[in-house]
Every structure is written in C-alpha cells, then in structure tokens.
PDB file of N, CA and C in Angstrom:
ATOM      1  N   MET A   1       1.032  -1.115  -0.065  1.00  0.00           N
ATOM      2  CA  MET A   1       0.086  -0.029   0.129  1.00  0.00           C
ATOM      3  C   MET A   1       0.855   1.223   0.005  1.00  0.00           C
ATOM      4  N   GLU A   2       0.580   2.154  -0.965  1.00  0.00           N
ATOM      5  CA  GLU A   2       1.419   3.513  -1.243  1.00  0.00           C
ATOM      6  C   GLU A   2       0.590   4.636  -0.570  1.00  0.00           C
ATOM      7  N   THR A   3       1.196   5.432   0.247  1.00  0.00           N
ATOM      8  CA  THR A   3       0.444   6.537   0.772  1.00  0.00           C
ATOM      9  C   THR A   3       1.444   7.667   1.140  1.00  0.00           C
ATOM     10  N   THR A   4       1.141   8.831   1.491  1.00  0.00           N
ATOM     11  CA  THR A   4       1.875   9.921   2.089  1.00  0.00           C
ATOM     12  C   THR A   4       2.238   9.527   3.430  1.00  0.00           C
ATOM     13  N   LEU A   5       3.380  10.033   4.204  1.00  0.00           N
ATOM     14  CA  LEU A   5       3.673  10.051   5.588  1.00  0.00           C
ATOM     15  C   LEU A   5       2.316  10.627   6.479  1.00  0.00           C
ATOM     16  N   LEU A   6       1.817  11.801   5.803  1.00  0.00           N
ATOM     17  CA  LEU A   6       0.898  12.524   6.412  1.00  0.00           C
ATOM     18  C   LEU A   6      -0.118  11.573   6.584  1.00  0.00           C
ATOM     19  N   GLN A   7      -0.802  10.848   5.713  1.00  0.00           N
ATOM     20  CA  GLN A   7      -1.706  10.185   5.718  1.00  0.00           C
ATOM     21  C   GLN A   7      -1.661   8.763   6.526  1.00  0.00           C
ATOM     22  N   LEU A   8      -0.599   8.271   6.773  1.00  0.00           N
ATOM     23  CA  LEU A   8      -0.078   7.107   7.499  1.00  0.00           C
ATOM     24  C   LEU A   8      -0.694   6.837   9.114  1.00  0.00           C
ATOM     25  N   GLU A   9      -1.169   5.793   9.288  1.00  0.00           N
ATOM     26  CA  GLU A   9      -1.557   5.755  10.803  1.00  0.00           C
ATOM     27  C   GLU A   9      -0.427   5.933  11.707  1.00  0.00           C
ATOM     28  N   SER A  10      -1.098   6.518  12.803  1.00  0.00           N
ATOM     29  CA  SER A  10       0.106   6.763  13.929  1.00  0.00           C
ATOM     30  C   SER A  10       0.766   5.348  14.426  1.00  0.00           C
ATOM     31  N   ASN A  11       1.890   5.287  15.111  1.00  0.00           N
ATOM     32  CA  ASN A  11       2.603   4.245  15.388  1.00  0.00           C
ATOM     33  C   ASN A  11       2.735   2.960  14.531  1.00  0.00           C
ATOM     34  N   ARG A  12       3.203   3.378  13.340  1.00  0.00           N
ATOM     35  CA  ARG A  12       3.337   2.405  12.227  1.00  0.00           C
ATOM     36  C   ARG A  12       4.489   2.690  11.506  1.00  0.00           C
ATOM     37  N   TRP A  13       5.444   1.353  11.275  1.00  0.00           N
ATOM     38  CA  TRP A  13       6.375   1.723  10.609  1.00  0.00           C
ATOM     39  C   TRP A  13       6.294   1.687   9.108  1.00  0.00           C
ATOM     40  N   SER A  14       7.070   2.058   8.320  1.00  0.00           N
ATOM     41  CA  SER A  14       6.899   2.266   6.837  1.00  0.00           C
ATOM     42  C   SER A  14       7.869   2.492   6.278  1.00  0.00           C
ATOM     43  N   LYS A  15       8.477   2.283   5.017  1.00  0.00           N
ATOM     44  CA  LYS A  15       9.536   2.623   4.199  1.00  0.00           C
ATOM     45  C   LYS A  15       9.484   3.560   3.223  1.00  0.00           C
ATOM     46  N   VAL A  16      10.384   4.673   3.192  1.00  0.00           N
ATOM     47  CA  VAL A  16      10.298   5.749   2.155  1.00  0.00           C
ATOM     48  C   VAL A  16      10.359   5.184   0.786  1.00  0.00           C
ATOM     49  N   LYS A  17       9.279   5.404   0.099  1.00  0.00           N
ATOM     50  CA  LYS A  17       9.474   5.024  -1.416  1.00  0.00           C
ATOM     51  C   LYS A  17       9.793   6.366  -2.387  1.00  0.00           C
ATOM     52  N   GLU A  18       9.536   7.386  -2.034  1.00  0.00           N
ATOM     53  CA  GLU A  18       9.635   8.406  -2.843  1.00  0.00           C
ATOM     54  C   GLU A  18       9.404   9.759  -2.244  1.00  0.00           C
ATOM     55  N   ILE A  19      10.411  10.849  -2.528  1.00  0.00           N
ATOM     56  CA  ILE A  19      10.470  12.085  -2.039  1.00  0.00           C
ATOM     57  C   ILE A  19       9.945  13.134  -3.156  1.00  0.00           C
ATOM     58  N   ARG A  20       8.853  13.845  -2.861  1.00  0.00           N
ATOM     59  CA  ARG A  20       8.117  14.687  -4.225  1.00  0.00           C
ATOM     60  C   ARG A  20       8.556  15.976  -3.704  1.00  0.00           C
ATOM     61  N   GLY A  21       9.605  16.573  -4.329  1.00  0.00           N
ATOM     62  CA  GLY A  21      10.226  18.034  -3.981  1.00  0.00           C
ATOM     63  C   GLY A  21      11.506  18.097  -4.712  1.00  0.00           C
ATOM     64  N   GLY A  22      11.846  19.368  -4.665  1.00  0.00           N
ATOM     65  CA  GLY A  22      13.167  19.833  -5.367  1.00  0.00           C
ATOM     66  C   GLY A  22      14.331  18.945  -4.571  1.00  0.00           C
ATOM     67  N   MET A  23      15.460  19.609  -5.122  1.00  0.00           N
ATOM     68  CA  MET A  23      16.727  19.314  -4.593  1.00  0.00           C
ATOM     69  C   MET A  23      16.930  19.611  -3.169  1.00  0.00           C
ATOM     70  N   GLY A  24      16.445  21.034  -2.867  1.00  0.00           N
ATOM     71  CA  GLY A  24      16.785  21.677  -1.694  1.00  0.00           C
ATOM     72  C   GLY A  24      16.054  20.899  -0.433  1.00  0.00           C
ATOM     73  N   PHE A  25      14.618  20.288  -0.819  1.00  0.00           N
ATOM     74  CA  PHE A  25      13.787  19.803  -0.005  1.00  0.00           C
ATOM     75  C   PHE A  25      14.331  18.386   0.577  1.00  0.00           C
ATOM     76  N   GLN A  26      14.855  17.865  -0.758  1.00  0.00           N
ATOM     77  CA  GLN A  26      15.405  16.474  -0.566  1.00  0.00           C
ATOM     78  C   GLN A  26      16.836  16.333   0.231  1.00  0.00           C
ATOM     79  N   LYS A  27      17.442  17.432   0.267  1.00  0.00           N
ATOM     80  CA  LYS A  27      18.589  17.622   1.092  1.00  0.00           C
ATOM     81  C   LYS A  27      18.352  17.962   2.499  1.00  0.00           C
ATOM     82  N   LYS A  28      17.362  18.832   2.467  1.00  0.00           N
ATOM     83  CA  LYS A  28      16.821  19.166   3.878  1.00  0.00           C
ATOM     84  C   LYS A  28      16.422  17.785   4.655  1.00  0.00           C
ATOM     85  N   LEU A  29      15.664  17.014   3.903  1.00  0.00           N
ATOM     86  CA  LEU A  29      15.262  15.640   4.699  1.00  0.00           C
ATOM     87  C   LEU A  29      16.520  14.541   4.797  1.00  0.00           C
ATOM     88  N   GLU A  30      17.379  14.697   3.838  1.00  0.00           N
ATOM     89  CA  GLU A  30      18.507  13.452   3.853  1.00  0.00           C
ATOM     90  C   GLU A  30      19.161  14.091   5.192  1.00  0.00           C
ATOM     91  N   ASN A  31      19.488  15.394   5.466  1.00  0.00           N
ATOM     92  CA  ASN A  31      20.225  15.925   6.659  1.00  0.00           C
ATOM     93  C   ASN A  31      19.455  15.221   8.012  1.00  0.00           C
ATOM     94  N   LEU A  32      18.281  14.807   7.864  1.00  0.00           N
ATOM     95  CA  LEU A  32      17.263  14.512   9.007  1.00  0.00           C
ATOM     96  C   LEU A  32      17.630  12.960   9.092  1.00  0.00           C
ATOM     97  N   GLY A  33      18.140  12.366   7.937  1.00  0.00           N
ATOM     98  CA  GLY A  33      17.983  10.834   7.967  1.00  0.00           C
ATOM     99  C   GLY A  33      16.994  10.317   7.078  1.00  0.00           C
ATOM    100  N   ILE A  34      16.225  11.195   6.491  1.00  0.00           N
ATOM    101  CA  ILE A  34      15.219  10.668   5.788  1.00  0.00           C
ATOM    102  C   ILE A  34      15.430  10.615   4.182  1.00  0.00           C
ATOM    103  N   ARG A  35      15.679   9.413   3.708  1.00  0.00           N
ATOM    104  CA  ARG A  35      15.919   9.397   2.189  1.00  0.00           C
ATOM    105  C   ARG A  35      15.137   8.049   1.625  1.00  0.00           C
ATOM    106  N   VAL A  36      14.941   7.898   0.511  1.00  0.00           N
ATOM    107  CA  VAL A  36      14.448   6.882  -0.119  1.00  0.00           C
ATOM    108  C   VAL A  36      15.227   5.238   0.313  1.00  0.00           C
ATOM    109  N   GLY A  37      14.144   4.568   0.694  1.00  0.00           N
ATOM    110  CA  GLY A  37      14.578   2.947   1.222  1.00  0.00           C
ATOM    111  C   GLY A  37      14.680   3.028   2.918  1.00  0.00           C
ATOM    112  N   VAL A  38      14.675   4.176   3.438  1.00  0.00           N
ATOM    113  CA  VAL A  38      14.717   4.210   4.899  1.00  0.00           C
ATOM    114  C   VAL A  38      13.520   3.877   5.593  1.00  0.00           C
ATOM    115  N   ARG A  39      13.655   3.178   6.833  1.00  0.00           N
ATOM    116  CA  ARG A  39      12.153   2.968   7.558  1.00  0.00           C
ATOM    117  C   ARG A  39      12.067   4.115   8.538  1.00  0.00           C
ATOM    118  N   ILE A  40      10.895   4.470   8.436  1.00  0.00           N
ATOM    119  CA  ILE A  40      10.046   5.540   9.207  1.00  0.00           C
ATOM    120  C   ILE A  40       9.363   5.304  10.165  1.00  0.00           C
ATOM    121  N   LEU A  41       9.011   5.684  11.200  1.00  0.00           N
ATOM    122  CA  LEU A  41       7.938   5.566  12.086  1.00  0.00           C
ATOM    123  C   LEU A  41       7.215   6.892  12.406  1.00  0.00           C
ATOM    124  N   LYS A  42       6.080   6.714  12.219  1.00  0.00           N
ATOM    125  CA  LYS A  42       5.162   7.971  12.317  1.00  0.00           C
ATOM    126  C   LYS A  42       4.641   7.754  13.818  1.00  0.00           C
ATOM    127  N   VAL A  43       5.232   8.512  14.796  1.00  0.00           N
ATOM    128  CA  VAL A  43       5.048   8.482  16.156  1.00  0.00           C
ATOM    129  C   VAL A  43       3.620   8.998  16.622  1.00  0.00           C
ATOM    130  N   SER A  44       3.197  10.217  16.015  1.00  0.00           N
ATOM    131  CA  SER A  44       1.996  10.702  16.343  1.00  0.00           C
ATOM    132  C   SER A  44       1.717  11.753  15.650  1.00  0.00           C
ATOM    133  N   GLN A  45       0.464  12.106  15.393  1.00  0.00           N
ATOM    134  CA  GLN A  45      -0.074  13.140  14.647  1.00  0.00           C
ATOM    135  C   GLN A  45      -0.959  14.022  15.332  1.00  0.00           C
ATOM    136  N   THR A  46      -0.300  15.361  15.757  1.00  0.00           N
ATOM    137  CA  THR A  46      -1.175  16.350  16.421  1.00  0.00           C
ATOM    138  C   THR A  46      -1.688  17.158  15.381  1.00  0.00           C
ATOM    139  N   PRO A  47      -2.339  18.046  15.823  1.00  0.00           N
ATOM    140  CA  PRO A  47      -3.020  19.236  14.916  1.00  0.00           C
ATOM    141  C   PRO A  47      -2.083  20.074  14.115  1.00  0.00           C
ATOM    142  N   GLY A  48      -0.607  19.873  14.687  1.00  0.00           N
ATOM    143  CA  GLY A  48       0.496  20.686  14.384  1.00  0.00           C
ATOM    144  C   GLY A  48       1.444  19.763  13.503  1.00  0.00           C
ATOM    145  N   PRO A  49       2.553  19.786  13.825  1.00  0.00           N
ATOM    146  CA  PRO A  49       3.675  19.075  13.252  1.00  0.00           C
ATOM    147  C   PRO A  49       3.484  17.535  13.472  1.00  0.00           C
ATOM    148  N   ILE A  50       4.134  16.544  12.454  1.00  0.00           N
ATOM    149  CA  ILE A  50       3.961  15.122  12.605  1.00  0.00           C
ATOM    150  C   ILE A  50       5.386  14.653  13.335  1.00  0.00           C
ATOM    151  N   ILE A  51       5.288  13.929  14.385  1.00  0.00           N
ATOM    152  CA  ILE A  51       6.385  13.480  15.108  1.00  0.00           C
ATOM    153  C   ILE A  51       6.851  11.923  14.602  1.00  0.00           C
ATOM    154  N   VAL A  52       8.069  12.057  14.123  1.00  0.00           N
ATOM    155  CA  VAL A  52       8.611  10.674  13.504  1.00  0.00           C
ATOM    156  C   VAL A  52       9.859  10.320  13.797  1.00  0.00           C
ATOM    157  N   LYS A  53      10.287   8.894  13.918  1.00  0.00           N
ATOM    158  CA  LYS A  53      11.345   8.359  14.201  1.00  0.00           C
ATOM    159  C   LYS A  53      11.946   7.730  13.065  1.00  0.00           C
ATOM    160  N   VAL A  54      13.414   8.306  12.931  1.00  0.00           N
ATOM    161  CA  VAL A  54      14.259   7.529  12.111  1.00  0.00           C
ATOM    162  C   VAL A  54      15.499   6.980  12.590  1.00  0.00           C
ATOM    163  N   SER A  55      15.508   5.873  12.471  1.00  0.00           N
ATOM    164  CA  SER A  55      16.728   5.235  13.522  1.00  0.00           C
ATOM    165  C   SER A  55      16.577   5.457  14.860  1.00  0.00           C
ATOM    166  N   SER A  56      17.438   6.100  15.294  1.00  0.00           N
ATOM    167  CA  SER A  56      17.503   6.386  17.054  1.00  0.00           C
ATOM    168  C   SER A  56      16.930   7.682  17.132  1.00  0.00           C
ATOM    169  N   SER A  57      16.780   8.643  15.903  1.00  0.00           N
ATOM    170  CA  SER A  57      16.262   9.917  16.150  1.00  0.00           C
ATOM    171  C   SER A  57      14.872  10.317  16.202  1.00  0.00           C
ATOM    172  N   GLN A  58      14.482  11.133  16.912  1.00  0.00           N
ATOM    173  CA  GLN A  58      12.751  11.462  16.722  1.00  0.00           C
ATOM    174  C   GLN A  58      12.904  12.751  16.613  1.00  0.00           C
ATOM    175  N   PHE A  59      12.118  13.369  15.843  1.00  0.00           N
ATOM    176  CA  PHE A  59      11.798  14.714  15.665  1.00  0.00           C
ATOM    177  C   PHE A  59      10.645  15.076  14.935  1.00  0.00           C
ATOM    178  N   ALA A  60      10.159  16.330  14.720  1.00  0.00           N
ATOM    179  CA  ALA A  60       8.811  16.576  14.433  1.00  0.00           C
ATOM    180  C   ALA A  60       9.256  17.438  12.959  1.00  0.00           C
ATOM    181  N   ILE A  61       8.153  17.043  11.991  1.00  0.00           N
ATOM    182  CA  ILE A  61       8.267  17.782  10.425  1.00  0.00           C
ATOM    183  C   ILE A  61       6.798  18.270  10.370  1.00  0.00           C
ATOM    184  N   GLY A  62       7.074  19.322   9.387  1.00  0.00           N
ATOM    185  CA  GLY A  62       5.722  20.014   9.199  1.00  0.00           C
ATOM    186  C   GLY A  62       4.708  19.219   8.388  1.00  0.00           C
ATOM    187  N   ARG A  63       3.442  19.299   8.408  1.00  0.00           N
ATOM    188  CA  ARG A  63       2.459  18.692   7.683  1.00  0.00           C
ATOM    189  C   ARG A  63       2.704  18.617   6.120  1.00  0.00           C
ATOM    190  N   GLY A  64       3.000  19.881   5.574  1.00  0.00           N
ATOM    191  CA  GLY A  64       3.586  19.921   4.244  1.00  0.00           C
ATOM    192  C   GLY A  64       4.536  19.079   3.802  1.00  0.00           C
ATOM    193  N   MET A  65       5.681  19.150   4.511  1.00  0.00           N
ATOM    194  CA  MET A  65       6.821  18.207   4.267  1.00  0.00           C
ATOM    195  C   MET A  65       6.440  16.736   4.291  1.00  0.00           C
ATOM    196  N   ALA A  66       5.422  16.378   5.228  1.00  0.00           N
ATOM    197  CA  ALA A  66       5.119  15.011   5.457  1.00  0.00           C
ATOM    198  C   ALA A  66       4.298  14.544   4.405  1.00  0.00           C
ATOM    199  N   SER A  67       3.391  15.351   3.718  1.00  0.00           N
ATOM    200  CA  SER A  67       2.594  15.218   2.446  1.00  0.00           C
ATOM    201  C   SER A  67       3.341  14.993   1.283  1.00  0.00           C
ATOM    202  N   LYS A  68       4.665  15.252   1.170  1.00  0.00           N
ATOM    203  CA  LYS A  68       5.356  15.013  -0.089  1.00  0.00           C
ATOM    204  C   LYS A  68       6.410  13.835   0.173  1.00  0.00           C
ATOM    205  N   ILE A  69       6.265  13.154   1.318  1.00  0.00           N
ATOM    206  CA  ILE A  69       6.920  12.050   1.356  1.00  0.00           C
ATOM    207  C   ILE A  69       5.988  10.899   1.141  1.00  0.00           C
ATOM    208  N   ILE A  70       6.371   9.995   0.211  1.00  0.00           N
ATOM    209  CA  ILE A  70       5.831   8.688  -0.311  1.00  0.00           C
ATOM    210  C   ILE A  70       6.163   7.636   0.695  1.00  0.00           C
ATOM    211  N   VAL A  71       5.388   6.743   1.232  1.00  0.00           N
ATOM    212  CA  VAL A  71       5.766   5.524   2.061  1.00  0.00           C
ATOM    213  C   VAL A  71       4.873   4.443   1.540  1.00  0.00           C
ATOM    214  N   GLU A  72       5.551   3.186   1.806  1.00  0.00           N
ATOM    215  CA  GLU A  72       4.790   1.881   1.688  1.00  0.00           C
ATOM    216  C   GLU A  72       5.033   0.939   2.768  1.00  0.00           C
ATOM    217  N   GLY A  73       3.854   0.410   3.078  1.00  0.00           N
ATOM    218  CA  GLY A  73       3.973  -0.662   4.243  1.00  0.00           C
ATOM    219  C   GLY A  73       2.727  -0.489   4.939  1.00  0.00           C
TER     220      GLY A  73
END
C-alpha cells in the first residue's frame, strides 16, 4: 500500500518510497536521515507537526513536508 507520511496511521513503521520535491527539500530531509529506502515510524499526529522516528532519532516535521514523503507498508 502506497500513501503519504501525512496519511499514514500513527505508531506504524513504513519504508520511504519516494520524496516529491526539489533538490533543496530532498537535501533537508537527507540531513534528518530521511531518504528513499529508509524505514520511518510515524509516532503521532497532532493538529500541528508530525512526530517521526528515523533510526534512533525522533523529531517533528511539518504537515506540508510529510505530505511530500511517499511511503509503503
């Protein structure tokens, strides 16, 4: 099943399949450890940012960013 990180259920691991955005956006995500092929956990979804976990790091990303990250799983 393919969906965006924004639409993914909370507390669910998934694999990044595609990042829809320019090179600057992709570089920003890469600096956070988010790139194609990486497993990512959507920890929670609040009315504001999305809390995610990649490897041993946990951080918040904006809803707009999450909507451009395509995941499967």
